[in-house]
Amino acid sequence: MTGTRRSNEEAQADSAPTTPGLNPNPFGTPGATPGDQTPTLSASSRVQSSASGFGYFPGDITTRASGILSVHASTSEFGGFAHTRNASAISTGGQNPFSSGRSNISGLSSNDGISEVGRPGLPTRASSAIREAFQSPPLRPMTIHGASRTGSTVQVNSARAPAKRMKSTMLTGEIEKPWTQKKNTIGRLAYWVTYGVAFLGIVASAVRCYFGYVSVPKFKHPLCMVLDDNFDTFDRDVWKHEVQLDGFGNGEFEMTTDSSNNSYVRDGKLYLLPTLTADTIGRSALFDGHMFNLTDCTGLNYTSCGVVSNQSTSTVIPPVMSARLSTKQSRSIRFGRVEITAKLPRGDWIWPALWMLPKDNVYGEWPMSGEIDIMESRGNDPTYPKQGRNYVRGSLNWGPTSWLNAVYKTYGWWTMRRDSYDKAFHTYSLEWTEDWMRIYVDTRLHHMLDLRFNKPFWNRGDFPAVIQNGSNSVALQNPWAANYTVANAAPFDQQFYLIMNVAVGGTNGWFPDNAGDKPWIDQSKTAMYDFAKSQDTWYETWPQGSDIEDRAMVIDSVKMWTEC
């Protein structure tokens, strides 16, 4: 077998093409005559490879059985040699990635799997393979893209790297932009859209404010000031205490006094401060066996001025003392302006109010002659479900009977979303003419009520034609059909005076049932008793100690004008 294989190899070597004028063994053969040898190659004849843009490759020519071919050119003259690792696994037909032809290197073997070419005595039959291995590659660069192996043949596939094609837009035919350009375009678009929307918002706000301003009705007549009180002192010629304990028609749980504990002036401000009755007479006296009479009572009967506590009948002395001041005997206006700067109280079930009643009940008892509420609020926490101290309300009370009050048709409120009205002073204003009425806080833009007197209140109320009086049906009469001075403004066409007070609790619905932790029911006969029994609960929410005046309504100034 060895001899046969040798013969085949020799036959292949003898039949290999040679280049005329070139010694098939350029490295020389030991024992050959000088005339048989070709001059040696110089260092300037180094092999150059342009495959994939490479230049000279110093080193060796190595072919690995894994399918990767590395070409190296020695940096010294004739000092290079070629290694074919695992050459026994390589047969003819292996593709040289650095040549357009094929390298038919075969039959070269060694015990360690390495065949060395270029040593003295190398058979001439290898020269043809060497020349083919060192042939210059084509000028066109190629990229090794993959390799395949079939049996004992390793074939290296050369292919050009596919160029990245830019997609065209189907509809417009335009070349699609890279993502970075798209991202920049989207960013610029978002920038302009954002600022465009902001600009439109500013313009719309300016337009709204302008038309809102020009549409605000103005006074047709000049105004003359009738009251300007900064409370440097307490003017008893202007302000009168209303002293009584019958609840003022609202079932309120406080009594009002003229005591300096409940109303006083200090540092140019008027304080209306609620206190506990138990601090004066003892808590047990509230519920049983104590007779209490108000000094300087202004009520019209005994029930307005005195009470006896009785445990068996749940009759209780009002558990809170407070204050109520009015200008009934000194100042009133018919059409004009009122402006009050005040800070509201804090504490559950405290009810501060700035309001007006008619000096003369021309159209009958309340509410037939009307009521103007410039400001009402609740001292409860802002989380209170029926509007706590972060809300203020303005309204008109009017109706043909005491149980037909159409206040629900003429009321409104303003709120502070991130604050409450007990933290600072705010100005509450009323503007009132024969044609319109406006109630607001701080600015006309914050109006709680903006009403035009464009039709009679009788028509506005849409009252029933017939009402039930006991077992009898009675035709309802229009109380404003006569005695009016301005038909569409009646009953708000008469003289009204100002009231400032701090109430607590009540059974008229200002604190609705089943809202919050309300400790009483309006319709219960023991409502005040139940409220007094729960004193430990609600009193905890009232400011104490050095903060006690935070439970007071503090008035900084009061101004009143009337149409001249």
Protein backbone atom coordinates (compact mmCIF):
# COMPACT_ATOMS: atom_id res chain seq x y z
CA MET A 1 0.00 0.00 0.00
CA THR A 2 2.82 2.37 0.71
CA GLY A 3 4.48 1.86 -2.66
CA THR A 4 1.24 2.32 -4.55
CA ARG A 5 0.44 5.56 -2.77
CA ARG A 6 3.94 6.81 -3.53
CA SER A 7 3.53 6.11 -7.20
CA ASN A 8 0.27 8.02 -7.38
CA GLU A 9 1.76 11.03 -5.67
CA GLU A 10 4.76 10.97 -7.99
CA ALA A 11 2.50 10.73 -10.96
CA GLN A 12 0.57 13.77 -9.87
CA ALA A 13 3.76 15.73 -9.26
CA ASP A 14 5.15 14.82 -12.67
CA SER A 15 1.97 15.92 -14.40
CA ALA A 16 1.70 19.24 -12.51
CA PRO A 17 2.17 22.27 -14.76
CA THR A 18 5.34 24.31 -14.40
CA THR A 19 6.25 27.82 -15.29
CA PRO A 20 8.96 28.17 -17.93
CA GLY A 21 12.19 29.68 -16.66
CA LEU A 22 11.38 29.02 -13.06
CA ASN A 23 12.86 26.23 -11.04
CA PRO A 24 10.01 24.10 -9.71
CA ASN A 25 11.96 24.01 -6.49
CA PRO A 26 12.71 27.65 -5.81
CA PHE A 27 14.19 26.85 -2.48
CA GLY A 28 16.91 24.67 -3.99
CA THR A 29 17.58 20.96 -3.86
CA PRO A 30 20.52 19.49 -2.00
CA GLY A 31 23.00 18.00 -4.46
CA ALA A 32 21.77 19.77 -7.53
CA THR A 33 24.16 21.48 -9.83
CA PRO A 34 24.36 25.23 -9.93
CA GLY A 35 23.09 25.30 -13.49
CA ASP A 36 19.88 23.54 -12.48
CA GLN A 37 18.90 26.10 -9.89
CA THR A 38 17.00 29.34 -10.28
CA PRO A 39 18.25 32.46 -8.48
CA THR A 40 16.71 32.80 -5.05
CA LEU A 41 13.74 35.11 -4.43
CA SER A 42 14.45 38.38 -2.57
CA ALA A 43 12.46 39.95 0.26
CA SER A 44 10.88 42.31 -2.24
CA SER A 45 9.09 39.34 -3.77
CA ARG A 46 6.98 38.76 -0.69
CA VAL A 47 3.56 37.49 -1.28
CA GLN A 48 0.84 40.20 -1.24
CA SER A 49 -2.78 39.45 -0.56
CA SER A 50 -5.51 41.96 -1.29
CA ALA A 51 -8.34 39.83 -0.03
CA SER A 52 -10.73 41.91 2.07
CA GLY A 53 -8.32 44.84 1.87
CA PHE A 54 -5.39 43.10 3.61
CA GLY A 55 -1.73 43.86 2.70
CA TYR A 56 1.29 41.83 3.63
CA PHE A 57 0.84 38.98 6.05
CA PRO A 58 3.95 38.20 8.10
CA GLY A 59 4.15 34.73 9.43
CA ASP A 60 2.99 31.36 8.13
CA ILE A 61 0.35 29.90 5.85
CA THR A 62 -1.91 27.78 8.04
CA THR A 63 -4.96 25.77 7.01
CA ARG A 64 -7.16 24.44 9.79
CA ALA A 65 -9.51 21.51 9.35
CA SER A 66 -12.30 23.61 10.84
CA GLY A 67 -12.70 25.40 7.54
CA ILE A 68 -10.76 28.61 8.30
CA LEU A 69 -7.76 29.43 6.13
CA SER A 70 -5.10 31.90 7.28
CA VAL A 71 -2.39 33.11 4.93
CA HIS A 72 0.90 34.37 6.35
CA ALA A 73 3.95 35.62 4.50
CA SER A 74 7.32 35.31 6.17
CA THR A 75 9.22 38.51 6.79
CA SER A 76 12.60 36.85 6.11
CA GLU A 77 13.89 35.58 2.79
CA PHE A 78 12.96 31.98 2.21
CA GLY A 79 12.60 31.57 5.93
CA GLY A 80 8.89 30.94 5.80
CA PHE A 81 7.18 27.60 5.81
CA ALA A 82 3.62 26.42 5.40
CA HIS A 83 1.84 24.38 8.05
CA THR A 84 -1.09 22.25 7.08
CA ARG A 85 -2.69 21.12 10.31
CA ASN A 86 -4.58 17.86 10.15
CA ALA A 87 -3.61 17.71 6.51
CA SER A 88 -4.70 14.12 6.31
CA ALA A 89 -8.29 15.41 6.49
CA ILE A 90 -7.78 17.73 3.50
CA SER A 91 -8.13 16.59 -0.07
CA THR A 92 -8.01 18.27 -3.40
CA GLY A 93 -10.72 20.68 -4.24
CA GLY A 94 -10.45 22.77 -1.03
CA GLN A 95 -11.22 26.40 -1.83
CA ASN A 96 -8.66 29.05 -1.01
CA PRO A 97 -10.46 32.18 0.13
CA PHE A 98 -7.51 34.27 -1.00
CA SER A 99 -7.43 32.88 -4.54
CA SER A 100 -9.89 32.55 -7.36
CA GLY A 101 -8.44 29.13 -8.24
CA ARG A 102 -8.10 25.93 -6.29
CA SER A 103 -5.10 24.57 -4.38
CA ASN A 104 -4.37 20.95 -5.10
CA ILE A 105 -2.12 20.25 -2.16
CA SER A 106 -2.24 16.53 -1.51
CA GLY A 107 -0.16 13.77 -0.28
CA LEU A 108 1.71 15.90 2.20
CA SER A 109 1.67 14.29 5.56
CA SER A 110 3.66 13.84 8.70
CA ASN A 111 3.22 11.89 11.87
CA ASP A 112 2.11 14.95 13.80
CA GLY A 113 -0.27 16.11 11.09
CA ILE A 114 1.99 18.98 9.95
CA SER A 115 3.65 19.20 6.51
CA GLU A 116 6.47 21.69 6.16
CA VAL A 117 7.09 23.26 2.77
CA GLY A 118 10.19 25.23 1.95
CA ARG A 119 12.86 23.12 3.57
CA PRO A 120 15.86 21.83 1.56
CA GLY A 121 15.09 18.63 -0.24
CA LEU A 122 11.41 19.40 -0.79
CA PRO A 123 10.15 17.38 -3.75
CA THR A 124 9.60 19.31 -6.92
CA ARG A 125 6.01 18.14 -7.10
CA ALA A 126 5.00 20.65 -4.39
CA SER A 127 6.15 23.71 -6.30
CA SER A 128 3.02 23.91 -8.38
CA ALA A 129 0.84 23.88 -5.26
CA ILE A 130 2.96 26.57 -3.67
CA ARG A 131 2.65 28.81 -6.70
CA GLU A 132 -1.09 28.42 -6.68
CA ALA A 133 -1.26 29.11 -2.95
CA PHE A 134 0.73 32.30 -3.38
CA GLN A 135 -1.19 33.61 -6.35
CA SER A 136 -2.53 37.14 -5.93
CA PRO A 137 -6.28 37.26 -5.16
CA PRO A 138 -8.63 39.14 -7.45
CA LEU A 139 -8.90 42.87 -6.92
CA ARG A 140 -12.49 42.56 -5.82
CA PRO A 141 -12.55 42.17 -2.02
CA MET A 142 -14.38 39.24 -0.62
CA THR A 143 -15.73 38.47 2.82
CA ILE A 144 -15.71 35.07 4.40
CA HIS A 145 -19.40 34.52 4.89
CA GLY A 146 -19.55 30.88 5.82
CA ALA A 147 -18.01 27.45 5.53
CA SER A 148 -19.25 23.96 4.86
CA ARG A 149 -17.71 20.59 5.28
CA THR A 150 -18.49 17.53 3.26
CA GLY A 151 -16.74 14.35 4.21
CA SER A 152 -13.02 15.06 4.33
CA THR A 153 -13.34 18.26 2.32
CA VAL A 154 -13.60 21.66 3.97
CA GLN A 155 -15.07 24.27 1.67
CA VAL A 156 -14.89 27.93 2.64
CA ASN A 157 -17.62 30.01 1.04
CA SER A 158 -16.79 33.55 0.10
CA ALA A 159 -19.54 36.10 -0.47
CA ARG A 160 -20.00 39.81 -0.43
CA ALA A 161 -21.71 41.24 2.67
CA PRO A 162 -25.18 42.30 1.58
CA ALA A 163 -25.53 46.06 1.48
CA LYS A 164 -28.24 47.52 3.69
CA ARG A 165 -31.02 48.71 1.46
CA MET A 166 -33.11 51.68 2.44
CA LYS A 167 -36.77 50.96 2.19
CA SER A 168 -38.98 53.23 0.19
CA THR A 169 -42.30 54.50 1.40
CA MET A 170 -45.06 52.66 -0.37
CA LEU A 171 -47.41 55.60 -0.82
CA THR A 172 -45.06 58.52 -1.40
CA GLY A 173 -42.12 56.67 -2.99
CA GLU A 174 -39.70 58.57 -0.78
CA ILE A 175 -36.69 56.90 0.77
CA GLU A 176 -37.38 56.00 4.40
CA LYS A 177 -35.32 58.05 6.84
CA PRO A 178 -33.18 56.36 9.49
CA TRP A 179 -34.72 56.00 12.94
CA THR A 180 -32.53 58.69 14.43
CA GLN A 181 -33.83 61.21 11.93
CA LYS A 182 -37.39 60.10 12.62
CA LYS A 183 -36.79 60.46 16.36
CA ASN A 184 -35.47 63.97 15.92
CA THR A 185 -38.45 64.87 13.75
CA ILE A 186 -40.89 63.53 16.32
CA GLY A 187 -39.07 65.42 19.08
CA ARG A 188 -39.26 68.69 17.16
CA LEU A 189 -42.93 68.09 16.39
CA ALA A 190 -43.70 67.39 20.07
CA TYR A 191 -41.81 70.55 21.05
CA TRP A 192 -43.87 72.76 18.75
CA VAL A 193 -47.15 71.06 19.60
CA THR A 194 -46.54 71.55 23.34
CA TYR A 195 -45.69 75.22 23.04
CA GLY A 196 -48.46 75.72 20.49
CA VAL A 197 -51.09 74.31 22.85
CA ALA A 198 -49.71 76.39 25.73
CA PHE A 199 -49.86 79.52 23.59
CA LEU A 200 -53.45 78.78 22.54
CA GLY A 201 -54.36 78.25 26.21
CA ILE A 202 -52.90 81.62 27.15
CA VAL A 203 -54.73 83.33 24.31
CA ALA A 204 -58.03 81.63 25.20
CA SER A 205 -57.63 82.61 28.86
CA ALA A 206 -56.91 86.20 27.92
CA VAL A 207 -59.96 86.31 25.65
CA ARG A 208 -62.16 84.81 28.32
CA CYS A 209 -60.92 87.23 30.97
CA TYR A 210 -61.45 90.16 28.64
CA PHE A 211 -65.01 89.29 27.72
CA GLY A 212 -65.71 88.34 31.33
CA TYR A 213 -64.49 91.73 32.43
CA VAL A 214 -66.49 93.73 29.89
CA SER A 215 -69.63 91.70 30.66
CA VAL A 216 -69.53 92.46 34.41
CA PRO A 217 -72.36 94.88 35.20
CA LYS A 218 -71.38 98.16 36.82
CA PHE A 219 -73.12 100.51 39.21
CA LYS A 220 -75.21 103.11 37.42
CA HIS A 221 -75.26 105.45 40.40
CA PRO A 222 -72.45 106.73 42.65
CA LEU A 223 -71.92 105.10 46.04
CA CYS A 224 -71.74 106.88 49.39
CA MET A 225 -69.98 105.24 52.35
CA VAL A 226 -72.13 104.69 55.43
CA LEU A 227 -69.72 102.57 57.52
CA ASP A 228 -65.94 102.18 57.67
CA ASP A 229 -64.83 100.34 60.80
CA ASN A 230 -61.25 99.11 61.24
CA PHE A 231 -61.91 98.08 64.87
CA ASP A 232 -59.34 100.26 66.51
CA THR A 233 -62.01 100.32 69.24
CA PHE A 234 -65.39 98.69 69.70
CA ASP A 235 -67.99 101.21 68.56
CA ARG A 236 -71.13 100.52 70.58
CA ASP A 237 -73.03 103.14 68.62
CA VAL A 238 -72.67 100.97 65.53
CA TRP A 239 -72.65 97.40 66.85
CA LYS A 240 -75.30 95.95 69.13
CA HIS A 241 -75.16 92.52 70.73
CA GLU A 242 -78.13 90.24 70.17
CA VAL A 243 -78.39 88.28 73.42
CA GLN A 244 -80.64 85.22 73.62
CA LEU A 245 -80.68 81.43 73.82
CA ASP A 246 -83.68 80.23 71.83
CA GLY A 247 -81.70 79.21 68.73
CA PHE A 248 -82.77 82.16 66.50
CA GLY A 249 -85.19 79.99 64.50
CA ASN A 250 -82.44 77.59 63.37
CA GLY A 251 -82.35 75.41 66.48
CA GLU A 252 -78.77 76.52 67.14
CA PHE A 253 -76.96 74.98 70.13
CA GLU A 254 -75.26 78.14 71.40
CA MET A 255 -76.47 81.07 73.44
CA THR A 256 -75.20 84.53 72.46
CA THR A 257 -73.85 86.89 75.10
CA ASP A 258 -72.37 90.37 75.40
CA SER A 259 -69.55 88.98 77.56
CA SER A 260 -65.98 89.97 76.76
CA ASN A 261 -65.20 86.24 76.82
CA ASN A 262 -67.10 85.89 73.57
CA SER A 263 -66.52 89.20 71.75
CA TYR A 264 -63.68 91.69 72.08
CA VAL A 265 -61.39 93.99 70.10
CA ARG A 266 -57.61 93.66 70.17
CA ASP A 267 -54.86 94.95 67.88
CA GLY A 268 -57.35 96.43 65.42
CA LYS A 269 -59.39 93.25 65.04
CA LEU A 270 -62.78 92.06 66.31
CA TYR A 271 -62.93 88.52 67.75
CA LEU A 272 -66.15 86.47 67.97
CA LEU A 273 -65.08 83.48 70.09
CA PRO A 274 -67.24 80.48 71.12
CA THR A 275 -66.59 78.95 74.56
CA LEU A 276 -68.04 76.10 76.62
CA THR A 277 -70.94 76.88 78.93
CA ALA A 278 -69.64 74.17 81.25
CA ASP A 279 -66.58 76.33 81.91
CA THR A 280 -68.92 78.89 83.52
CA ILE A 281 -71.60 76.85 85.32
CA GLY A 282 -70.15 73.32 85.45
CA ARG A 283 -70.96 70.43 83.19
CA SER A 284 -73.48 68.72 85.47
CA ALA A 285 -75.56 71.91 85.56
CA LEU A 286 -76.10 71.65 81.80
CA PHE A 287 -78.25 68.52 82.18
CA ASP A 288 -80.20 68.75 85.42
CA GLY A 289 -81.47 71.07 88.13
CA HIS A 290 -80.00 74.39 87.06
CA MET A 291 -81.89 77.59 86.19
CA PHE A 292 -80.03 79.84 83.79
CA ASN A 293 -81.02 83.42 82.89
CA LEU A 294 -79.27 85.64 80.35
CA THR A 295 -78.34 89.10 81.54
CA ASP A 296 -79.29 91.94 79.18
CA CYS A 297 -81.32 89.57 77.06
CA THR A 298 -82.66 91.09 73.84
CA GLY A 299 -85.20 88.34 73.20
CA LEU A 300 -88.90 89.02 73.06
CA ASN A 301 -90.02 86.38 75.61
CA TYR A 302 -88.81 84.26 78.51
CA THR A 303 -87.88 81.27 76.34
CA SER A 304 -85.39 83.53 74.60
CA CYS A 305 -83.74 84.56 77.85
CA GLY A 306 -83.85 81.65 80.35
CA VAL A 307 -84.00 77.86 80.69
CA VAL A 308 -84.02 75.20 83.43
CA SER A 309 -82.11 71.97 82.79
CA ASN A 310 -84.03 68.73 83.42
CA GLN A 311 -82.53 65.26 83.01
CA SER A 312 -85.90 63.48 82.83
CA THR A 313 -87.13 65.59 79.88
CA SER A 314 -83.69 65.87 78.24
CA THR A 315 -83.90 69.65 78.57
CA VAL A 316 -80.40 71.05 78.48
CA ILE A 317 -78.85 74.47 78.81
CA PRO A 318 -77.11 75.43 75.51
CA PRO A 319 -73.62 73.92 75.86
CA VAL A 320 -71.84 76.77 74.00
CA MET A 321 -71.61 80.52 74.51
CA SER A 322 -70.84 82.78 71.55
CA ALA A 323 -71.60 86.24 70.10
CA ARG A 324 -73.82 87.90 67.50
CA LEU A 325 -73.52 91.56 66.45
CA SER A 326 -75.73 93.64 64.14
CA THR A 327 -76.18 97.16 62.74
CA LYS A 328 -79.98 97.03 62.90
CA GLN A 329 -80.19 100.19 64.98
CA SER A 330 -77.41 102.11 63.23
CA ARG A 331 -76.67 101.25 59.58
CA SER A 332 -78.66 99.79 56.68
CA ILE A 333 -78.54 100.08 52.90
CA ARG A 334 -80.89 99.68 49.96
CA PHE A 335 -78.75 98.90 46.93
CA GLY A 336 -75.03 99.43 47.40
CA ARG A 337 -71.94 97.53 48.44
CA VAL A 338 -70.66 95.66 51.51
CA GLU A 339 -67.04 94.58 52.01
CA ILE A 340 -65.86 92.53 55.03
CA THR A 341 -62.34 91.24 55.58
CA ALA A 342 -62.27 88.26 57.96
CA LYS A 343 -60.57 85.01 58.92
CA LEU A 344 -62.90 82.06 59.58
CA PRO A 345 -62.89 79.69 62.59
CA ARG A 346 -61.77 76.07 62.82
CA GLY A 347 -63.62 73.30 64.68
CA ASP A 348 -66.39 70.78 64.07
CA TRP A 349 -69.96 72.12 63.88
CA ILE A 350 -68.90 75.78 64.16
CA TRP A 351 -71.01 77.94 61.81
CA PRO A 352 -69.67 81.44 61.00
CA ALA A 353 -71.86 83.84 59.01
CA LEU A 354 -71.85 87.35 57.52
CA TRP A 355 -75.36 88.18 56.40
CA MET A 356 -78.21 90.71 56.13
CA LEU A 357 -81.85 90.90 57.13
CA PRO A 358 -84.51 93.48 56.21
CA LYS A 359 -84.82 96.36 58.62
CA ASP A 360 -88.61 96.24 58.24
CA ASN A 361 -90.49 93.11 57.27
CA VAL A 362 -92.45 94.86 54.55
CA TYR A 363 -93.55 91.60 52.86
CA GLY A 364 -94.08 89.52 55.99
CA GLU A 365 -92.09 87.28 58.31
CA TRP A 366 -89.06 85.28 57.25
CA PRO A 367 -88.44 84.38 54.49
CA MET A 368 -91.11 86.47 52.74
CA SER A 369 -89.10 89.69 53.27
CA GLY A 370 -85.84 87.99 52.22
CA GLU A 371 -82.38 87.26 53.59
CA ILE A 372 -78.97 87.95 52.02
CA ASP A 373 -76.13 85.61 53.02
CA ILE A 374 -72.83 87.22 52.03
CA MET A 375 -70.82 84.39 53.53
CA GLU A 376 -71.59 81.16 55.40
CA SER A 377 -69.20 78.34 56.13
CA ARG A 378 -68.55 75.32 58.34
CA GLY A 379 -65.59 74.91 60.65
CA ASN A 380 -65.35 71.19 59.91
CA ASP A 381 -62.29 69.66 58.29
CA PRO A 382 -62.00 69.92 54.48
CA THR A 383 -62.68 66.17 54.34
CA TYR A 384 -66.19 66.78 55.67
CA PRO A 385 -68.50 65.46 52.91
CA LYS A 386 -70.84 68.50 52.95
CA GLN A 387 -68.25 71.23 52.39
CA GLY A 388 -65.91 72.03 55.26
CA ARG A 389 -63.90 75.16 55.99
CA ASN A 390 -62.36 75.17 52.51
CA TYR A 391 -65.78 76.28 51.15
CA VAL A 392 -67.69 79.53 51.49
CA ARG A 393 -71.27 80.03 50.30
CA GLY A 394 -73.39 82.98 49.26
CA SER A 395 -77.17 82.78 48.88
CA LEU A 396 -80.58 84.47 48.96
CA ASN A 397 -83.44 83.15 51.11
CA TRP A 398 -86.95 84.01 49.93
CA GLY A 399 -90.37 82.42 49.65
CA PRO A 400 -94.10 82.92 50.22
CA THR A 401 -94.20 80.80 53.44
CA SER A 402 -91.80 79.64 56.12
CA TRP A 403 -91.72 76.11 54.64
CA LEU A 404 -91.41 77.24 51.01
CA ASN A 405 -87.90 78.70 50.94
CA ALA A 406 -86.52 78.91 47.39
CA VAL A 407 -82.91 79.34 48.50
CA TYR A 408 -81.97 76.29 46.39
CA LYS A 409 -82.59 78.43 43.27
CA THR A 410 -80.29 81.27 44.32
CA TYR A 411 -77.09 80.07 45.95
CA GLY A 412 -73.51 79.21 45.07
CA TRP A 413 -70.09 78.69 46.60
CA TRP A 414 -66.38 79.08 46.08
CA THR A 415 -63.67 76.72 47.26
CA MET A 416 -59.94 76.63 47.90
CA ARG A 417 -58.49 73.42 46.50
CA ARG A 418 -55.23 73.39 48.46
CA ASP A 419 -56.04 75.56 51.46
CA SER A 420 -58.91 76.66 53.70
CA TYR A 421 -60.44 79.94 54.79
CA ASP A 422 -59.31 79.64 58.41
CA LYS A 423 -55.63 80.13 57.49
CA ALA A 424 -55.70 83.78 56.37
CA PHE A 425 -57.90 86.84 55.91
CA HIS A 426 -60.17 87.06 52.88
CA THR A 427 -62.55 89.76 51.70
CA TYR A 428 -66.24 88.90 51.26
CA SER A 429 -68.23 91.32 49.15
CA LEU A 430 -71.81 92.09 48.14
CA GLU A 431 -72.68 94.33 45.16
CA TRP A 432 -76.38 95.02 44.82
CA THR A 433 -78.51 97.18 42.53
CA GLU A 434 -82.12 97.20 41.38
CA ASP A 435 -81.04 95.17 38.32
CA TRP A 436 -78.61 92.58 39.67
CA MET A 437 -76.79 91.18 42.72
CA ARG A 438 -73.31 89.74 42.97
CA ILE A 439 -71.64 87.98 45.96
CA TYR A 440 -67.96 87.01 45.76
CA VAL A 441 -64.76 86.41 47.72
CA ASP A 442 -61.57 88.43 47.09
CA THR A 443 -62.31 89.15 43.42
CA ARG A 444 -65.32 89.36 41.12
CA LEU A 445 -63.94 86.34 39.28
CA HIS A 446 -64.56 84.28 42.46
CA HIS A 447 -68.26 84.92 42.61
CA MET A 448 -70.51 82.70 44.66
CA LEU A 449 -73.70 84.25 43.28
CA ASP A 450 -74.22 86.39 40.17
CA LEU A 451 -77.93 87.03 39.69
CA ARG A 452 -79.84 89.25 37.23
CA PHE A 453 -83.22 90.62 38.34
CA ASN A 454 -84.71 89.94 34.93
CA LYS A 455 -88.04 88.56 36.17
CA PRO A 456 -90.13 88.72 39.36
CA PHE A 457 -89.17 86.37 42.14
CA TRP A 458 -92.69 84.99 42.14
CA ASN A 459 -92.15 83.71 38.61
CA ARG A 460 -88.61 82.63 39.40
CA GLY A 461 -89.82 80.45 42.29
CA ASP A 462 -92.34 78.47 40.24
CA PHE A 463 -94.44 77.97 43.38
CA PRO A 464 -97.56 75.80 43.45
CA ALA A 465 -100.91 77.51 43.03
CA VAL A 466 -102.44 75.68 46.01
CA ILE A 467 -100.90 74.63 49.34
CA GLN A 468 -102.19 72.46 52.15
CA ASN A 469 -102.88 74.26 55.45
CA GLY A 470 -103.74 71.48 57.86
CA SER A 471 -106.74 69.74 56.35
CA ASN A 472 -107.61 72.68 54.14
CA SER A 473 -106.31 73.55 50.69
CA VAL A 474 -105.45 77.20 50.37
CA ALA A 475 -104.56 79.20 47.29
CA LEU A 476 -100.99 80.48 47.54
CA GLN A 477 -100.69 84.24 47.39
CA ASN A 478 -97.87 86.28 45.92
CA PRO A 479 -96.45 88.29 48.89
CA TRP A 480 -94.52 90.64 46.54
CA ALA A 481 -97.45 91.69 44.38
CA ALA A 482 -97.88 94.89 46.41
CA ASN A 483 -95.69 97.32 48.35
CA TYR A 484 -92.72 96.77 46.09
CA THR A 485 -90.49 99.58 44.87
CA VAL A 486 -88.82 97.52 42.10
CA ALA A 487 -91.02 94.71 40.83
CA ASN A 488 -88.28 92.33 39.64
CA ALA A 489 -86.09 92.94 42.71
CA ALA A 490 -88.72 92.47 45.43
CA PRO A 491 -88.26 91.38 48.20
CA PHE A 492 -84.66 92.61 47.76
CA ASP A 493 -85.70 96.20 47.16
CA GLN A 494 -85.84 97.30 50.82
CA GLN A 495 -83.41 98.44 53.52
CA PHE A 496 -81.18 95.63 54.87
CA TYR A 497 -78.82 95.68 57.86
CA LEU A 498 -75.69 93.64 58.58
CA ILE A 499 -75.23 90.72 61.02
CA MET A 500 -71.97 88.97 62.03
CA ASN A 501 -72.11 85.89 64.24
CA VAL A 502 -70.61 82.51 65.11
CA ALA A 503 -73.23 79.80 65.67
CA VAL A 504 -72.72 76.16 66.67
CA GLY A 505 -74.81 73.27 65.37
CA GLY A 506 -78.51 73.60 64.59
CA THR A 507 -81.50 71.66 63.30
CA ASN A 508 -82.35 73.60 60.12
CA GLY A 509 -80.29 71.35 57.83
CA TRP A 510 -77.13 73.42 57.50
CA PHE A 511 -75.38 70.32 58.86
CA PRO A 512 -77.21 67.52 57.05
CA ASP A 513 -78.06 64.27 58.80
CA ASN A 514 -75.86 61.26 58.07
CA ALA A 515 -72.93 63.45 56.99
CA GLY A 516 -69.69 62.98 58.86
CA ASP A 517 -69.85 62.00 62.54
CA LYS A 518 -72.84 64.19 63.29
CA PRO A 519 -73.90 63.41 66.89
CA TRP A 520 -77.56 64.48 66.56
CA ILE A 521 -80.57 64.17 64.25
CA ASP A 522 -82.36 67.34 63.19
CA GLN A 523 -85.87 66.08 63.77
CA SER A 524 -85.08 64.59 67.16
CA LYS A 525 -86.60 66.33 70.22
CA THR A 526 -83.33 65.66 72.06
CA ALA A 527 -80.99 67.06 69.39
CA MET A 528 -79.29 69.63 71.69
CA TYR A 529 -79.12 67.13 74.52
CA ASP A 530 -77.39 64.58 72.27
CA PHE A 531 -74.96 67.22 71.08
CA ALA A 532 -74.09 68.24 74.65
CA LYS A 533 -73.55 64.60 75.66
CA SER A 534 -70.96 64.17 72.86
CA GLN A 535 -68.98 67.23 73.93
CA ASP A 536 -65.78 65.25 74.51
CA THR A 537 -65.78 64.18 70.85
CA TRP A 538 -66.40 67.44 68.97
CA TYR A 539 -64.55 69.66 71.44
CA GLU A 540 -61.31 67.83 70.64
CA THR A 541 -61.42 69.38 67.14
CA TRP A 542 -61.56 72.93 68.54
CA PRO A 543 -58.23 74.75 68.99
CA GLN A 544 -57.09 74.85 72.60
CA GLY A 545 -54.56 76.67 74.74
CA SER A 546 -52.46 79.24 72.91
CA ASP A 547 -54.37 78.50 69.68
CA ILE A 548 -57.79 79.12 71.19
CA GLU A 549 -58.42 82.16 68.98
CA ASP A 550 -58.26 79.94 65.90
CA ARG A 551 -61.80 78.88 66.82
CA ALA A 552 -62.92 82.51 66.52
CA MET A 553 -64.09 84.46 63.49
CA VAL A 554 -61.70 87.40 63.34
CA ILE A 555 -62.91 90.52 61.50
CA ASP A 556 -60.32 93.03 60.33
CA SER A 557 -62.61 95.62 58.74
CA VAL A 558 -66.20 96.29 57.66
CA LYS A 559 -67.22 98.79 54.96
CA MET A 560 -70.69 99.64 53.68
CA TRP A 561 -71.79 101.93 50.83
CA THR A 562 -75.25 102.85 49.60
CA GLU A 563 -76.39 104.30 46.30
CA CYS A 564 -76.44 108.09 46.63
